[in-house]
PDB file of all heavy atoms in Angstrom:
ATOM      1  N   LEU A   1      -5.077  -2.251   7.280  1.00  0.00           N
ATOM      2  CA  LEU A   1      -4.832  -0.853   7.634  1.00  0.00           C
ATOM      3  C   LEU A   1      -3.374  -0.657   8.057  1.00  0.00           C
ATOM      4  O   LEU A   1      -2.736   0.320   7.657  1.00  0.00           O
ATOM      5  CB  LEU A   1      -5.771  -0.420   8.759  1.00  0.00           C
ATOM      6  CG  LEU A   1      -5.717   1.059   9.145  1.00  0.00           C
ATOM      7  CD1 LEU A   1      -6.014   1.958   7.933  1.00  0.00           C
ATOM      8  CD2 LEU A   1      -6.685   1.361  10.269  1.00  0.00           C
ATOM      9  N   ARG A   2      -2.831  -1.607   8.842  1.00  0.00           N
ATOM     10  CA  ARG A   2      -1.422  -1.532   9.237  1.00  0.00           C
ATOM     11  C   ARG A   2      -0.521  -1.543   8.005  1.00  0.00           C
ATOM     12  O   ARG A   2       0.427  -0.764   7.906  1.00  0.00           O
ATOM     13  CB  ARG A   2      -1.046  -2.714  10.131  1.00  0.00           C
ATOM     14  CG  ARG A   2      -1.378  -2.544  11.586  1.00  0.00           C
ATOM     15  CD  ARG A   2      -0.616  -3.543  12.449  1.00  0.00           C
ATOM     16  NE  ARG A   2      -0.765  -4.923  11.985  1.00  0.00           N
ATOM     17  CZ  ARG A   2      -1.748  -5.741  12.370  1.00  0.00           C
ATOM     18  NH1 ARG A   2      -2.675  -5.307  13.209  1.00  0.00           N
ATOM     19  NH2 ARG A   2      -1.801  -6.982  11.919  1.00  0.00           N
ATOM     20  N   GLY A   3      -0.830  -2.426   7.049  1.00  0.00           N
ATOM     21  CA  GLY A   3      -0.008  -2.543   5.846  1.00  0.00           C
ATOM     22  C   GLY A   3      -0.049  -1.292   4.992  1.00  0.00           C
ATOM     23  O   GLY A   3       0.988  -0.814   4.519  1.00  0.00           O
ATOM     24  N   LEU A   4      -1.245  -0.733   4.785  1.00  0.00           N
ATOM     25  CA  LEU A   4      -1.379   0.467   3.969  1.00  0.00           C
ATOM     26  C   LEU A   4      -0.681   1.656   4.614  1.00  0.00           C
ATOM     27  O   LEU A   4      -0.104   2.509   3.927  1.00  0.00           O
ATOM     28  CB  LEU A   4      -2.861   0.773   3.734  1.00  0.00           C
ATOM     29  CG  LEU A   4      -3.611  -0.212   2.814  1.00  0.00           C
ATOM     30  CD1 LEU A   4      -5.111   0.031   2.868  1.00  0.00           C
ATOM     31  CD2 LEU A   4      -3.111  -0.093   1.372  1.00  0.00           C
ATOM     32  N   ARG A   5      -0.718   1.722   5.930  1.00  0.00           N
ATOM     33  CA  ARG A   5      -0.029   2.816   6.632  1.00  0.00           C
ATOM     34  C   ARG A   5       1.486   2.624   6.604  1.00  0.00           C
ATOM     35  O   ARG A   5       2.245   3.582   6.489  1.00  0.00           O
ATOM     36  CB  ARG A   5      -0.535   2.899   8.070  1.00  0.00           C
ATOM     37  CG  ARG A   5      -1.913   3.535   8.178  1.00  0.00           C
ATOM     38  CD  ARG A   5      -2.445   3.502   9.604  1.00  0.00           C
ATOM     39  NE  ARG A   5      -3.631   4.357   9.734  1.00  0.00           N
ATOM     40  CZ  ARG A   5      -4.427   4.378  10.798  1.00  0.00           C
ATOM     41  NH1 ARG A   5      -4.174   3.573  11.829  1.00  0.00           N
ATOM     42  NH2 ARG A   5      -5.464   5.182  10.847  1.00  0.00           N
ATOM     43  N   ARG A   6       1.928   1.375   6.691  1.00  0.00           N
ATOM     44  CA  ARG A   6       3.367   1.090   6.692  1.00  0.00           C
ATOM     45  C   ARG A   6       4.026   1.500   5.377  1.00  0.00           C
ATOM     46  O   ARG A   6       5.202   1.858   5.349  1.00  0.00           O
ATOM     47  CB  ARG A   6       3.596  -0.404   6.942  1.00  0.00           C
ATOM     48  CG  ARG A   6       5.070  -0.771   7.070  1.00  0.00           C
ATOM     49  CD  ARG A   6       5.271  -2.265   7.184  1.00  0.00           C
ATOM     50  NE  ARG A   6       6.674  -2.604   7.097  1.00  0.00           N
ATOM     51  CZ  ARG A   6       7.143  -3.829   6.893  1.00  0.00           C
ATOM     52  NH1 ARG A   6       6.292  -4.849   6.773  1.00  0.00           N
ATOM     53  NH2 ARG A   6       8.442  -4.053   6.802  1.00  0.00           N
ATOM     54  N   VAL A   7       3.258   1.458   4.292  1.00  0.00           N
ATOM     55  CA  VAL A   7       3.793   1.835   2.977  1.00  0.00           C
ATOM     56  C   VAL A   7       4.476   3.195   3.027  1.00  0.00           C
ATOM     57  O   VAL A   7       5.487   3.433   2.360  1.00  0.00           O
ATOM     58  CB  VAL A   7       2.662   1.825   1.918  1.00  0.00           C
ATOM     59  CG1 VAL A   7       3.113   2.487   0.623  1.00  0.00           C
ATOM     60  CG2 VAL A   7       2.227   0.388   1.635  1.00  0.00           C
ATOM     61  N   PHE A   8       3.931   4.116   3.833  1.00  0.00           N
ATOM     62  CA  PHE A   8       4.497   5.471   3.886  1.00  0.00           C
ATOM     63  C   PHE A   8       5.246   5.765   5.190  1.00  0.00           C
ATOM     64  O   PHE A   8       6.111   6.636   5.216  1.00  0.00           O
ATOM     65  CB  PHE A   8       3.395   6.505   3.658  1.00  0.00           C
ATOM     66  CG  PHE A   8       2.810   6.402   2.285  1.00  0.00           C
ATOM     67  CD1 PHE A   8       1.592   5.770   2.080  1.00  0.00           C
ATOM     68  CD2 PHE A   8       3.498   6.885   1.181  1.00  0.00           C
ATOM     69  CE1 PHE A   8       1.064   5.639   0.809  1.00  0.00           C
ATOM     70  CE2 PHE A   8       2.984   6.761  -0.096  1.00  0.00           C
ATOM     71  CZ  PHE A   8       1.770   6.130  -0.279  1.00  0.00           C
ATOM     72  N   ARG A   9       4.948   5.032   6.231  1.00  0.00           N
ATOM     73  CA  ARG A   9       5.648   5.262   7.494  1.00  0.00           C
ATOM     74  C   ARG A   9       7.037   4.624   7.499  1.00  0.00           C
ATOM     75  O   ARG A   9       7.925   5.076   8.223  1.00  0.00           O
ATOM     76  CB  ARG A   9       4.796   4.735   8.657  1.00  0.00           C
ATOM     77  CG  ARG A   9       3.492   5.523   8.836  1.00  0.00           C
ATOM     78  CD  ARG A   9       2.685   5.010  10.007  1.00  0.00           C
ATOM     79  NE  ARG A   9       1.436   5.776  10.169  1.00  0.00           N
ATOM     80  CZ  ARG A   9       0.552   5.576  11.135  1.00  0.00           C
ATOM     81  NH1 ARG A   9       0.778   4.628  12.053  1.00  0.00           N
ATOM     82  NH2 ARG A   9      -0.541   6.307  11.216  1.00  0.00           N
ATOM     83  N   ASP A  10       7.215   3.577   6.718  1.00  0.00           N
ATOM     84  CA  ASP A  10       8.490   2.861   6.658  1.00  0.00           C
ATOM     85  C   ASP A  10       9.335   3.412   5.505  1.00  0.00           C
ATOM     86  O   ASP A  10       8.910   3.361   4.344  1.00  0.00           O
ATOM     87  CB  ASP A  10       8.225   1.365   6.441  1.00  0.00           C
ATOM     88  CG  ASP A  10       9.471   0.514   6.612  1.00  0.00           C
ATOM     89  OD1 ASP A  10      10.579   1.020   6.349  1.00  0.00           O
ATOM     90  OD2 ASP A  10       9.326  -0.669   6.996  1.00  0.00           O
ATOM     91  N   PRO A  11      10.534   3.942   5.764  1.00  0.00           N
ATOM     92  CA  PRO A  11      11.361   4.533   4.701  1.00  0.00           C
ATOM     93  C   PRO A  11      11.852   3.532   3.662  1.00  0.00           C
ATOM     94  O   PRO A  11      12.373   3.935   2.620  1.00  0.00           O
ATOM     95  CB  PRO A  11      12.542   5.142   5.476  1.00  0.00           C
ATOM     96  CG  PRO A  11      12.577   4.411   6.772  1.00  0.00           C
ATOM     97  CD  PRO A  11      11.159   4.077   7.091  1.00  0.00           C
ATOM     98  N   ASP A  12      11.664   2.238   3.910  1.00  0.00           N
ATOM     99  CA  ASP A  12      12.052   1.239   2.899  1.00  0.00           C
ATOM    100  C   ASP A  12      11.107   1.247   1.703  1.00  0.00           C
ATOM    101  O   ASP A  12      11.397   0.621   0.685  1.00  0.00           O
ATOM    102  CB  ASP A  12      12.058  -0.164   3.518  1.00  0.00           C
ATOM    103  CG  ASP A  12      13.312  -0.443   4.327  1.00  0.00           C
ATOM    104  OD1 ASP A  12      14.359   0.156   4.006  1.00  0.00           O
ATOM    105  OD2 ASP A  12      13.245  -1.249   5.269  1.00  0.00           O
ATOM    106  N   PHE A  13       9.964   1.941   1.808  1.00  0.00           N
ATOM    107  CA  PHE A  13       8.962   1.910   0.741  1.00  0.00           C
ATOM    108  C   PHE A  13       8.719   3.320   0.182  1.00  0.00           C
ATOM    109  O   PHE A  13       9.436   3.782  -0.662  1.00  0.00           O
ATOM    110  CB  PHE A  13       7.683   1.247   1.267  1.00  0.00           C
ATOM    111  CG  PHE A  13       7.926  -0.101   1.884  1.00  0.00           C
ATOM    112  CD1 PHE A  13       7.782  -0.304   3.255  1.00  0.00           C
ATOM    113  CD2 PHE A  13       8.327  -1.164   1.098  1.00  0.00           C
ATOM    114  CE1 PHE A  13       8.029  -1.544   3.824  1.00  0.00           C
ATOM    115  CE2 PHE A  13       8.570  -2.416   1.655  1.00  0.00           C
ATOM    116  CZ  PHE A  13       8.430  -2.598   3.021  1.00  0.00           C
ATOM    117  N   ARG A  14       7.676   3.980   0.606  1.00  0.00           N
ATOM    118  CA  ARG A  14       7.352   5.350   0.199  1.00  0.00           C
ATOM    119  C   ARG A  14       7.362   5.556  -1.328  1.00  0.00           C
ATOM    120  O   ARG A  14       8.196   6.277  -1.869  1.00  0.00           O
ATOM    121  CB  ARG A  14       8.309   6.327   0.883  1.00  0.00           C
ATOM    122  CG  ARG A  14       8.127   6.333   2.387  1.00  0.00           C
ATOM    123  CD  ARG A  14       9.050   7.284   3.108  1.00  0.00           C
ATOM    124  NE  ARG A  14       8.798   7.222   4.554  1.00  0.00           N
ATOM    125  CZ  ARG A  14       9.600   7.774   5.475  1.00  0.00           C
ATOM    126  NH1 ARG A  14      10.675   8.432   5.094  1.00  0.00           N
ATOM    127  NH2 ARG A  14       9.302   7.662   6.745  1.00  0.00           N
ATOM    128  N   PRO A  15       6.414   4.946  -2.028  1.00  0.00           N
ATOM    129  CA  PRO A  15       6.339   5.095  -3.482  1.00  0.00           C
ATOM    130  C   PRO A  15       5.834   6.474  -3.905  1.00  0.00           C
ATOM    131  O   PRO A  15       5.279   7.220  -3.105  1.00  0.00           O
ATOM    132  CB  PRO A  15       5.334   4.012  -3.887  1.00  0.00           C
ATOM    133  CG  PRO A  15       4.431   3.901  -2.689  1.00  0.00           C
ATOM    134  CD  PRO A  15       5.339   4.098  -1.496  1.00  0.00           C
ATOM    135  N   ASP A  16       6.021   6.790  -5.180  1.00  0.00           N
ATOM    136  CA  ASP A  16       5.535   8.055  -5.741  1.00  0.00           C
ATOM    137  C   ASP A  16       4.039   7.989  -6.040  1.00  0.00           C
ATOM    138  O   ASP A  16       3.356   9.011  -6.045  1.00  0.00           O
ATOM    139  CB  ASP A  16       6.284   8.387  -7.030  1.00  0.00           C
ATOM    140  CG  ASP A  16       7.780   8.470  -6.808  1.00  0.00           C
ATOM    141  OD1 ASP A  16       8.231   9.499  -6.288  1.00  0.00           O
ATOM    142  OD2 ASP A  16       8.492   7.503  -7.130  1.00  0.00           O
ATOM    143  N   MET A  17       3.562   6.785  -6.339  1.00  0.00           N
ATOM    144  CA  MET A  17       2.161   6.580  -6.685  1.00  0.00           C
ATOM    145  C   MET A  17       1.705   5.247  -6.098  1.00  0.00           C
ATOM    146  O   MET A  17       2.535   4.374  -5.818  1.00  0.00           O
ATOM    147  CB  MET A  17       1.956   6.558  -8.211  1.00  0.00           C
ATOM    148  CG  MET A  17       2.297   7.852  -8.913  1.00  0.00           C
ATOM    149  SD  MET A  17       2.309   7.673 -10.724  1.00  0.00           S
ATOM    150  CE  MET A  17       0.615   7.218 -11.049  1.00  0.00           C
ATOM    151  N   ILE A  18       0.399   5.081  -5.950  1.00  0.00           N
ATOM    152  CA  ILE A  18      -0.142   3.786  -5.544  1.00  0.00           C
ATOM    153  C   ILE A  18      -1.435   3.505  -6.311  1.00  0.00           C
ATOM    154  O   ILE A  18      -2.141   4.416  -6.732  1.00  0.00           O
ATOM    155  CB  ILE A  18      -0.429   3.698  -4.033  1.00  0.00           C
ATOM    156  CG1 ILE A  18      -1.416   4.784  -3.587  1.00  0.00           C
ATOM    157  CG2 ILE A  18       0.852   3.754  -3.219  1.00  0.00           C
ATOM    158  CD1 ILE A  18      -1.909   4.591  -2.157  1.00  0.00           C
ATOM    159  N   LYS A  19      -1.708   2.220  -6.482  1.00  0.00           N
ATOM    160  CA  LYS A  19      -2.997   1.749  -6.971  1.00  0.00           C
ATOM    161  C   LYS A  19      -3.507   0.758  -5.938  1.00  0.00           C
ATOM    162  O   LYS A  19      -2.782  -0.170  -5.562  1.00  0.00           O
ATOM    163  CB  LYS A  19      -2.861   1.069  -8.337  1.00  0.00           C
ATOM    164  CG  LYS A  19      -2.491   2.021  -9.456  1.00  0.00           C
ATOM    165  CD  LYS A  19      -2.445   1.301 -10.793  1.00  0.00           C
ATOM    166  CE  LYS A  19      -2.127   2.286 -11.922  1.00  0.00           C
ATOM    167  NZ  LYS A  19      -2.063   1.608 -13.237  1.00  0.00           N
ATOM    168  N   ILE A  20      -4.709   0.976  -5.460  1.00  0.00           N
ATOM    169  CA  ILE A  20      -5.286   0.079  -4.471  1.00  0.00           C
ATOM    170  C   ILE A  20      -6.353  -0.770  -5.160  1.00  0.00           C
ATOM    171  O   ILE A  20      -7.361  -0.253  -5.632  1.00  0.00           O
ATOM    172  CB  ILE A  20      -5.869   0.859  -3.283  1.00  0.00           C
ATOM    173  CG1 ILE A  20      -4.776   1.709  -2.626  1.00  0.00           C
ATOM    174  CG2 ILE A  20      -6.480  -0.090  -2.274  1.00  0.00           C
ATOM    175  CD1 ILE A  20      -5.253   2.538  -1.444  1.00  0.00           C
ATOM    176  N   TYR A  21      -6.080  -2.064  -5.224  1.00  0.00           N
ATOM    177  CA  TYR A  21      -6.971  -3.012  -5.891  1.00  0.00           C
ATOM    178  C   TYR A  21      -7.537  -3.991  -4.865  1.00  0.00           C
ATOM    179  O   TYR A  21      -6.926  -5.027  -4.600  1.00  0.00           O
ATOM    180  CB  TYR A  21      -6.206  -3.836  -6.938  1.00  0.00           C
ATOM    181  CG  TYR A  21      -5.691  -3.116  -8.136  1.00  0.00           C
ATOM    182  CD1 TYR A  21      -4.560  -3.579  -8.815  1.00  0.00           C
ATOM    183  CD2 TYR A  21      -6.327  -1.992  -8.641  1.00  0.00           C
ATOM    184  CE1 TYR A  21      -4.081  -2.944  -9.949  1.00  0.00           C
ATOM    185  CE2 TYR A  21      -5.856  -1.350  -9.767  1.00  0.00           C
ATOM    186  CZ  TYR A  21      -4.737  -1.832 -10.424  1.00  0.00           C
ATOM    187  OH  TYR A  21      -4.275  -1.198 -11.542  1.00  0.00           O
ATOM    188  N   PRO A  22      -8.658  -3.695  -4.223  1.00  0.00           N
ATOM    189  CA  PRO A  22      -9.227  -4.693  -3.303  1.00  0.00           C
ATOM    190  C   PRO A  22      -9.419  -6.027  -4.027  1.00  0.00           C
ATOM    191  O   PRO A  22      -9.823  -6.073  -5.191  1.00  0.00           O
ATOM    192  CB  PRO A  22     -10.569  -4.066  -2.915  1.00  0.00           C
ATOM    193  CG  PRO A  22     -10.356  -2.590  -3.066  1.00  0.00           C
ATOM    194  CD  PRO A  22      -9.464  -2.459  -4.259  1.00  0.00           C
ATOM    195  N   CYS A  23      -9.097  -7.107  -3.327  1.00  0.00           N
ATOM    196  CA  CYS A  23      -9.169  -8.438  -3.930  1.00  0.00           C
ATOM    197  C   CYS A  23     -10.607  -8.763  -4.340  1.00  0.00           C
ATOM    198  O   CYS A  23     -11.550  -8.511  -3.590  1.00  0.00           O
ATOM    199  CB  CYS A  23      -8.656  -9.465  -2.923  1.00  0.00           C
ATOM    200  SG  CYS A  23      -8.632 -11.151  -3.560  1.00  0.00           S
ATOM    201  N   VAL A  24     -10.754  -9.303  -5.535  1.00  0.00           N
ATOM    202  CA  VAL A  24     -12.063  -9.751  -6.011  1.00  0.00           C
ATOM    203  C   VAL A  24     -11.959 -11.204  -6.470  1.00  0.00           C
ATOM    204  O   VAL A  24     -10.878 -11.688  -6.815  1.00  0.00           O
ATOM    205  CB  VAL A  24     -12.597  -8.880  -7.174  1.00  0.00           C
ATOM    206  CG1 VAL A  24     -12.861  -7.463  -6.714  1.00  0.00           C
ATOM    207  CG2 VAL A  24     -11.645  -8.885  -8.358  1.00  0.00           C
ATOM    208  N   VAL A  25     -13.085 -11.901  -6.467  1.00  0.00           N
ATOM    209  CA  VAL A  25     -13.126 -13.295  -6.904  1.00  0.00           C
ATOM    210  C   VAL A  25     -13.530 -13.334  -8.374  1.00  0.00           C
ATOM    211  O   VAL A  25     -14.594 -12.830  -8.754  1.00  0.00           O
ATOM    212  CB  VAL A  25     -14.128 -14.112  -6.057  1.00  0.00           C
ATOM    213  CG1 VAL A  25     -14.206 -15.548  -6.579  1.00  0.00           C
ATOM    214  CG2 VAL A  25     -13.716 -14.104  -4.597  1.00  0.00           C
ATOM    215  N   LEU A  26     -12.663 -13.926  -9.198  1.00  0.00           N
ATOM    216  CA  LEU A  26     -12.906 -14.058 -10.632  1.00  0.00           C
ATOM    217  C   LEU A  26     -12.953 -15.537 -10.993  1.00  0.00           C
ATOM    218  O   LEU A  26     -12.207 -16.344 -10.424  1.00  0.00           O
ATOM    219  CB  LEU A  26     -11.807 -13.347 -11.420  1.00  0.00           C
ATOM    220  CG  LEU A  26     -11.641 -11.856 -11.091  1.00  0.00           C
ATOM    221  CD1 LEU A  26     -10.334 -11.323 -11.663  1.00  0.00           C
ATOM    222  CD2 LEU A  26     -12.820 -11.066 -11.630  1.00  0.00           C
TER     223      LEU A  26
END
């Protein structure tokens, strides 16, 4: 949750789009 929130709270990141891929076991 901290990481996902930091994506937009930190000006070093702030992308135009995101894809969230929860880790799965293959």
